[in-house]
PDB file of all heavy atoms in Angstrom:
ATOM      1  N   GLU A   1     152.371   6.017 127.529  1.00  0.00           N
ATOM      2  CA  GLU A   1     151.672   6.648 128.627  1.00  0.00           C
ATOM      3  C   GLU A   1     151.165   7.999 128.189  1.00  0.00           C
ATOM      4  O   GLU A   1     151.687   8.655 127.240  1.00  0.00           O
ATOM      5  CB  GLU A   1     152.613   6.828 129.846  1.00  0.00           C
ATOM      6  CG  GLU A   1     153.057   5.544 130.405  1.00  0.00           C
ATOM      7  CD  GLU A   1     153.876   5.764 131.711  1.00  0.00           C
ATOM      8  OE1 GLU A   1     154.878   6.549 131.645  1.00  0.00           O
ATOM      9  OE2 GLU A   1     153.538   5.187 132.744  1.00  0.00           O
ATOM     10  N   MET A   2     150.106   8.474 128.851  1.00  0.00           N
ATOM     11  CA  MET A   2     149.506   9.778 128.537  1.00  0.00           C
ATOM     12  C   MET A   2     150.368  10.929 129.082  1.00  0.00           C
ATOM     13  O   MET A   2     150.746  10.896 130.252  1.00  0.00           O
ATOM     14  CB  MET A   2     148.126   9.878 129.154  1.00  0.00           C
ATOM     15  CG  MET A   2     147.411  11.191 128.887  1.00  0.00           C
ATOM     16  SD  MET A   2     147.118  11.527 127.095  1.00  0.00           S
ATOM     17  CE  MET A   2     145.954  10.242 126.706  1.00  0.00           C
ATOM     18  N   PRO A   3     150.681  11.899 128.279  1.00  0.00           N
ATOM     19  CA  PRO A   3     151.429  13.078 128.764  1.00  0.00           C
ATOM     20  C   PRO A   3     150.686  13.789 129.892  1.00  0.00           C
ATOM     21  O   PRO A   3     149.410  13.621 130.018  1.00  0.00           O
ATOM     22  CB  PRO A   3     151.557  13.979 127.532  1.00  0.00           C
ATOM     23  CG  PRO A   3     151.516  13.016 126.411  1.00  0.00           C
ATOM     24  CD  PRO A   3     150.552  11.949 126.798  1.00  0.00           C
ATOM     25  N   LEU A   4     151.366  14.590 130.645  1.00  0.00           N
ATOM     26  CA  LEU A   4     150.820  15.238 131.809  1.00  0.00           C
ATOM     27  C   LEU A   4     150.121  16.551 131.449  1.00  0.00           C
ATOM     28  O   LEU A   4     150.562  17.227 130.500  1.00  0.00           O
ATOM     29  CB  LEU A   4     151.903  15.462 132.852  1.00  0.00           C
ATOM     30  CG  LEU A   4     152.708  14.234 133.239  1.00  0.00           C
ATOM     31  CD1 LEU A   4     153.890  14.656 134.167  1.00  0.00           C
ATOM     32  CD2 LEU A   4     151.865  13.199 133.885  1.00  0.00           C
ATOM     33  N   ARG A   5     149.175  16.977 132.225  1.00  0.00           N
ATOM     34  CA  ARG A   5     148.577  18.307 132.226  1.00  0.00           C
ATOM     35  C   ARG A   5     147.976  18.699 130.894  1.00  0.00           C
ATOM     36  O   ARG A   5     147.955  19.837 130.466  1.00  0.00           O
ATOM     37  CB  ARG A   5     149.608  19.340 132.731  1.00  0.00           C
ATOM     38  CG  ARG A   5     150.268  18.964 134.036  1.00  0.00           C
ATOM     39  CD  ARG A   5     151.232  19.918 134.517  1.00  0.00           C
ATOM     40  NE  ARG A   5     150.601  21.098 135.078  1.00  0.00           N
ATOM     41  CZ  ARG A   5     151.256  22.009 135.795  1.00  0.00           C
ATOM     42  NH1 ARG A   5     152.537  21.894 136.004  1.00  0.00           N
ATOM     43  NH2 ARG A   5     150.601  23.088 136.250  1.00  0.00           N
ATOM     44  N   MET A   6     147.413  17.718 130.206  1.00  0.00           N
ATOM     45  CA  MET A   6     146.908  17.945 128.848  1.00  0.00           C
ATOM     46  C   MET A   6     145.687  18.918 128.833  1.00  0.00           C
ATOM     47  O   MET A   6     145.484  19.682 127.878  1.00  0.00           O
ATOM     48  CB  MET A   6     146.573  16.626 128.165  1.00  0.00           C
ATOM     49  CG  MET A   6     147.789  15.765 127.880  1.00  0.00           C
ATOM     50  SD  MET A   6     149.040  16.620 126.906  1.00  0.00           S
ATOM     51  CE  MET A   6     148.132  16.927 125.375  1.00  0.00           C
ATOM     52  N   ASP A   7     144.825  18.859 129.878  1.00  0.00           N
ATOM     53  CA  ASP A   7     143.693  19.774 129.940  1.00  0.00           C
ATOM     54  C   ASP A   7     144.180  21.199 129.987  1.00  0.00           C
ATOM     55  O   ASP A   7     143.588  22.089 129.288  1.00  0.00           O
ATOM     56  CB  ASP A   7     142.855  19.460 131.160  1.00  0.00           C
ATOM     57  CG  ASP A   7     142.043  18.143 131.069  1.00  0.00           C
ATOM     58  OD1 ASP A   7     142.002  17.619 129.889  1.00  0.00           O
ATOM     59  OD2 ASP A   7     141.552  17.662 132.042  1.00  0.00           O
ATOM     60  N   GLU A   8     145.208  21.501 130.775  1.00  0.00           N
ATOM     61  CA  GLU A   8     145.754  22.845 130.872  1.00  0.00           C
ATOM     62  C   GLU A   8     146.379  23.286 129.563  1.00  0.00           C
ATOM     63  O   GLU A   8     146.211  24.449 129.140  1.00  0.00           O
ATOM     64  CB  GLU A   8     146.809  22.936 131.998  1.00  0.00           C
ATOM     65  CG  GLU A   8     146.270  22.705 133.373  1.00  0.00           C
ATOM     66  CD  GLU A   8     147.388  22.583 134.374  1.00  0.00           C
ATOM     67  OE1 GLU A   8     148.016  23.655 134.685  1.00  0.00           O
ATOM     68  OE2 GLU A   8     147.701  21.510 134.845  1.00  0.00           O
ATOM     69  N   ILE A   9     147.017  22.340 128.881  1.00  0.00           N
ATOM     70  CA  ILE A   9     147.689  22.676 127.644  1.00  0.00           C
ATOM     71  C   ILE A   9     146.678  23.041 126.550  1.00  0.00           C
ATOM     72  O   ILE A   9     146.806  24.060 125.860  1.00  0.00           O
ATOM     73  CB  ILE A   9     148.613  21.541 127.201  1.00  0.00           C
ATOM     74  CG1 ILE A   9     149.787  21.395 128.186  1.00  0.00           C
ATOM     75  CG2 ILE A   9     149.098  21.727 125.775  1.00  0.00           C
ATOM     76  CD1 ILE A   9     150.577  20.110 127.978  1.00  0.00           C
ATOM     77  N   TYR A  10     145.673  22.227 126.416  1.00  0.00           N
ATOM     78  CA  TYR A  10     144.643  22.464 125.356  1.00  0.00           C
ATOM     79  C   TYR A  10     143.866  23.736 125.634  1.00  0.00           C
ATOM     80  O   TYR A  10     143.472  24.470 124.727  1.00  0.00           O
ATOM     81  CB  TYR A  10     143.766  21.273 125.192  1.00  0.00           C
ATOM     82  CG  TYR A  10     144.343  20.184 124.347  1.00  0.00           C
ATOM     83  CD1 TYR A  10     144.637  18.925 124.857  1.00  0.00           C
ATOM     84  CD2 TYR A  10     144.688  20.452 122.998  1.00  0.00           C
ATOM     85  CE1 TYR A  10     145.207  17.907 124.071  1.00  0.00           C
ATOM     86  CE2 TYR A  10     145.257  19.453 122.224  1.00  0.00           C
ATOM     87  CZ  TYR A  10     145.522  18.215 122.720  1.00  0.00           C
ATOM     88  OH  TYR A  10     146.107  17.245 121.982  1.00  0.00           O
ATOM     89  N   ALA A  11     143.626  24.029 126.940  1.00  0.00           N
ATOM     90  CA  ALA A  11     142.932  25.245 127.300  1.00  0.00           C
ATOM     91  C   ALA A  11     143.737  26.454 126.877  1.00  0.00           C
ATOM     92  O   ALA A  11     143.229  27.445 126.401  1.00  0.00           O
ATOM     93  CB  ALA A  11     142.687  25.315 128.802  1.00  0.00           C
ATOM     94  N   ALA A  12     145.078  26.384 127.029  1.00  0.00           N
ATOM     95  CA  ALA A  12     145.956  27.452 126.641  1.00  0.00           C
ATOM     96  C   ALA A  12     146.016  27.575 125.123  1.00  0.00           C
ATOM     97  O   ALA A  12     145.989  28.685 124.540  1.00  0.00           O
ATOM     98  CB  ALA A  12     147.360  27.286 127.178  1.00  0.00           C
ATOM     99  N   LEU A  13     146.100  26.435 124.409  1.00  0.00           N
ATOM    100  CA  LEU A  13     146.076  26.478 122.966  1.00  0.00           C
ATOM    101  C   LEU A  13     144.786  27.095 122.395  1.00  0.00           C
ATOM    102  O   LEU A  13     144.800  27.862 121.452  1.00  0.00           O
ATOM    103  CB  LEU A  13     146.224  25.040 122.369  1.00  0.00           C
ATOM    104  CG  LEU A  13     147.553  24.366 122.613  1.00  0.00           C
ATOM    105  CD1 LEU A  13     147.508  22.903 122.172  1.00  0.00           C
ATOM    106  CD2 LEU A  13     148.681  25.097 121.883  1.00  0.00           C
ATOM    107  N   ASP A  14     143.686  26.860 123.112  1.00  0.00           N
ATOM    108  CA  ASP A  14     142.401  27.395 122.642  1.00  0.00           C
ATOM    109  C   ASP A  14     142.236  28.885 122.789  1.00  0.00           C
ATOM    110  O   ASP A  14     141.371  29.502 122.159  1.00  0.00           O
ATOM    111  CB  ASP A  14     141.247  26.704 123.394  1.00  0.00           C
ATOM    112  CG  ASP A  14     140.987  25.291 122.896  1.00  0.00           C
ATOM    113  OD1 ASP A  14     141.517  24.928 121.813  1.00  0.00           O
ATOM    114  OD2 ASP A  14     140.349  24.534 123.651  1.00  0.00           O
ATOM    115  N   ARG A  15     143.135  29.507 123.617  1.00  0.00           N
ATOM    116  CA  ARG A  15     143.063  30.976 123.768  1.00  0.00           C
ATOM    117  C   ARG A  15     144.297  31.671 123.230  1.00  0.00           C
ATOM    118  O   ARG A  15     144.409  32.870 123.356  1.00  0.00           O
ATOM    119  CB  ARG A  15     142.858  31.316 125.278  1.00  0.00           C
ATOM    120  CG  ARG A  15     144.048  30.935 126.179  1.00  0.00           C
ATOM    121  CD  ARG A  15     143.776  31.415 127.637  1.00  0.00           C
ATOM    122  NE  ARG A  15     144.887  31.040 128.526  1.00  0.00           N
ATOM    123  CZ  ARG A  15     144.984  29.927 129.214  1.00  0.00           C
ATOM    124  NH1 ARG A  15     144.019  29.002 129.119  1.00  0.00           N
ATOM    125  NH2 ARG A  15     146.022  29.643 130.000  1.00  0.00           N
ATOM    126  N   CYS A  16     145.198  30.961 122.607  1.00  0.00           N
ATOM    127  CA  CYS A  16     146.440  31.554 122.175  1.00  0.00           C
ATOM    128  C   CYS A  16     146.199  32.416 120.909  1.00  0.00           C
ATOM    129  O   CYS A  16     145.320  32.166 120.125  1.00  0.00           O
ATOM    130  CB  CYS A  16     147.542  30.543 121.976  1.00  0.00           C
ATOM    131  SG  CYS A  16     147.485  29.614 120.458  1.00  0.00           S
ATOM    132  N   THR A  17     147.033  33.448 120.765  1.00  0.00           N
ATOM    133  CA  THR A  17     147.035  34.233 119.575  1.00  0.00           C
ATOM    134  C   THR A  17     148.337  34.062 118.784  1.00  0.00           C
ATOM    135  O   THR A  17     148.406  34.423 117.649  1.00  0.00           O
ATOM    136  CB  THR A  17     146.815  35.724 119.894  1.00  0.00           C
ATOM    137  OG1 THR A  17     147.687  36.088 120.978  1.00  0.00           O
ATOM    138  CG2 THR A  17     145.388  36.005 120.281  1.00  0.00           C
ATOM    139  N   LEU A  18     149.335  33.454 119.441  1.00  0.00           N
ATOM    140  CA  LEU A  18     150.597  33.076 118.817  1.00  0.00           C
ATOM    141  C   LEU A  18     150.989  31.735 119.342  1.00  0.00           C
ATOM    142  O   LEU A  18     151.122  31.563 120.546  1.00  0.00           O
ATOM    143  CB  LEU A  18     151.649  34.107 119.051  1.00  0.00           C
ATOM    144  CG  LEU A  18     153.102  33.723 118.614  1.00  0.00           C
ATOM    145  CD1 LEU A  18     153.161  33.550 117.085  1.00  0.00           C
ATOM    146  CD2 LEU A  18     154.104  34.799 119.004  1.00  0.00           C
ATOM    147  N   PHE A  19     151.248  30.804 118.420  1.00  0.00           N
ATOM    148  CA  PHE A  19     151.794  29.452 118.805  1.00  0.00           C
ATOM    149  C   PHE A  19     153.127  29.311 118.152  1.00  0.00           C
ATOM    150  O   PHE A  19     153.276  29.361 116.936  1.00  0.00           O
ATOM    151  CB  PHE A  19     150.808  28.389 118.377  1.00  0.00           C
ATOM    152  CG  PHE A  19     151.405  26.966 118.586  1.00  0.00           C
ATOM    153  CD1 PHE A  19     151.577  26.480 119.849  1.00  0.00           C
ATOM    154  CD2 PHE A  19     151.760  26.169 117.488  1.00  0.00           C
ATOM    155  CE1 PHE A  19     152.117  25.238 120.076  1.00  0.00           C
ATOM    156  CE2 PHE A  19     152.315  24.891 117.679  1.00  0.00           C
ATOM    157  CZ  PHE A  19     152.479  24.454 118.939  1.00  0.00           C
ATOM    158  N   LEU A  20     154.166  29.093 119.019  1.00  0.00           N
ATOM    159  CA  LEU A  20     155.485  28.891 118.533  1.00  0.00           C
ATOM    160  C   LEU A  20     155.922  27.455 118.812  1.00  0.00           C
ATOM    161  O   LEU A  20     155.662  26.943 119.892  1.00  0.00           O
ATOM    162  CB  LEU A  20     156.477  29.806 119.232  1.00  0.00           C
ATOM    163  CG  LEU A  20     156.419  31.297 119.007  1.00  0.00           C
ATOM    164  CD1 LEU A  20     157.466  32.032 119.880  1.00  0.00           C
ATOM    165  CD2 LEU A  20     156.598  31.651 117.570  1.00  0.00           C
ATOM    166  N   SER A  21     156.535  26.845 117.839  1.00  0.00           N
ATOM    167  CA  SER A  21     157.168  25.481 118.034  1.00  0.00           C
ATOM    168  C   SER A  21     158.663  25.650 117.870  1.00  0.00           C
ATOM    169  O   SER A  21     159.122  26.039 116.836  1.00  0.00           O
ATOM    170  CB  SER A  21     156.569  24.518 117.046  1.00  0.00           C
ATOM    171  OG  SER A  21     157.159  23.202 117.198  1.00  0.00           O
ATOM    172  N   VAL A  22     159.379  25.281 118.876  1.00  0.00           N
ATOM    173  CA  VAL A  22     160.831  25.513 118.910  1.00  0.00           C
ATOM    174  C   VAL A  22     161.581  24.193 119.159  1.00  0.00           C
ATOM    175  O   VAL A  22     161.376  23.543 120.180  1.00  0.00           O
ATOM    176  CB  VAL A  22     161.231  26.503 120.006  1.00  0.00           C
ATOM    177  CG1 VAL A  22     162.754  26.707 120.016  1.00  0.00           C
ATOM    178  CG2 VAL A  22     160.521  27.839 119.809  1.00  0.00           C
ATOM    179  N   GLY A  23     162.394  23.751 118.229  1.00  0.00           N
ATOM    180  CA  GLY A  23     163.329  22.662 118.473  1.00  0.00           C
ATOM    181  C   GLY A  23     162.660  21.338 118.644  1.00  0.00           C
ATOM    182  O   GLY A  23     163.101  20.509 119.439  1.00  0.00           O
ATOM    183  N   THR A  24     161.598  21.078 117.823  1.00  0.00           N
ATOM    184  CA  THR A  24     160.960  19.793 117.949  1.00  0.00           C
ATOM    185  C   THR A  24     160.810  19.126 116.583  1.00  0.00           C
ATOM    186  O   THR A  24     160.622  19.822 115.563  1.00  0.00           O
ATOM    187  CB  THR A  24     159.578  19.916 118.651  1.00  0.00           C
ATOM    188  OG1 THR A  24     158.958  18.643 118.777  1.00  0.00           O
ATOM    189  CG2 THR A  24     158.672  20.885 117.940  1.00  0.00           C
ATOM    190  N   SER A  25     160.816  17.814 116.583  1.00  0.00           N
ATOM    191  CA  SER A  25     160.880  17.068 115.316  1.00  0.00           C
ATOM    192  C   SER A  25     159.510  16.983 114.632  1.00  0.00           C
ATOM    193  O   SER A  25     159.417  16.735 113.472  1.00  0.00           O
ATOM    194  CB  SER A  25     161.417  15.630 115.529  1.00  0.00           C
ATOM    195  OG  SER A  25     160.512  14.909 116.365  1.00  0.00           O
ATOM    196  N   GLY A  26     158.461  17.189 115.410  1.00  0.00           N
ATOM    197  CA  GLY A  26     157.116  17.020 114.900  1.00  0.00           C
ATOM    198  C   GLY A  26     156.728  15.567 114.678  1.00  0.00           C
ATOM    199  O   GLY A  26     155.841  15.269 113.911  1.00  0.00           O
ATOM    200  N   MET A  27     157.403  14.657 115.384  1.00  0.00           N
ATOM    201  CA  MET A  27     157.166  13.230 115.174  1.00  0.00           C
ATOM    202  C   MET A  27     156.392  12.594 116.313  1.00  0.00           C
ATOM    203  O   MET A  27     155.858  11.503 116.201  1.00  0.00           O
ATOM    204  CB  MET A  27     158.533  12.466 114.999  1.00  0.00           C
ATOM    205  CG  MET A  27     159.320  12.956 113.798  1.00  0.00           C
ATOM    206  SD  MET A  27     160.968  12.176 113.726  1.00  0.00           S
ATOM    207  CE  MET A  27     160.532  10.455 113.536  1.00  0.00           C
ATOM    208  N   VAL A  28     156.368  13.265 117.525  1.00  0.00           N
ATOM    209  CA  VAL A  28     155.783  12.641 118.703  1.00  0.00           C
ATOM    210  C   VAL A  28     154.438  13.289 119.004  1.00  0.00           C
ATOM    211  O   VAL A  28     154.362  14.498 119.232  1.00  0.00           O
ATOM    212  CB  VAL A  28     156.767  12.750 119.883  1.00  0.00           C
ATOM    213  CG1 VAL A  28     156.139  12.155 121.120  1.00  0.00           C
ATOM    214  CG2 VAL A  28     158.110  12.089 119.601  1.00  0.00           C
ATOM    215  N   TYR A  29     153.425  12.496 119.041  1.00  0.00           N
ATOM    216  CA  TYR A  29     152.097  13.023 119.466  1.00  0.00           C
ATOM    217  C   TYR A  29     151.846  12.745 120.918  1.00  0.00           C
ATOM    218  O   TYR A  29     152.426  11.844 121.500  1.00  0.00           O
ATOM    219  CB  TYR A  29     151.017  12.261 118.553  1.00  0.00           C
ATOM    220  CG  TYR A  29     151.034  12.776 117.130  1.00  0.00           C
ATOM    221  CD1 TYR A  29     151.912  12.298 116.229  1.00  0.00           C
ATOM    222  CD2 TYR A  29     150.111  13.755 116.730  1.00  0.00           C
ATOM    223  CE1 TYR A  29     151.933  12.803 114.900  1.00  0.00           C
ATOM    224  CE2 TYR A  29     150.125  14.261 115.437  1.00  0.00           C
ATOM    225  CZ  TYR A  29     151.021  13.757 114.548  1.00  0.00           C
ATOM    226  OH  TYR A  29     150.989  14.220 113.277  1.00  0.00           O
TER     227      TYR A  29
END
């Protein structure tokens, strides 16, 4: 299934100056 609120997430990624990834395997897209 498609994850939720993806438009909001990508909009935030497009304006971020710091992106942190915490506690994730990096296996799930």
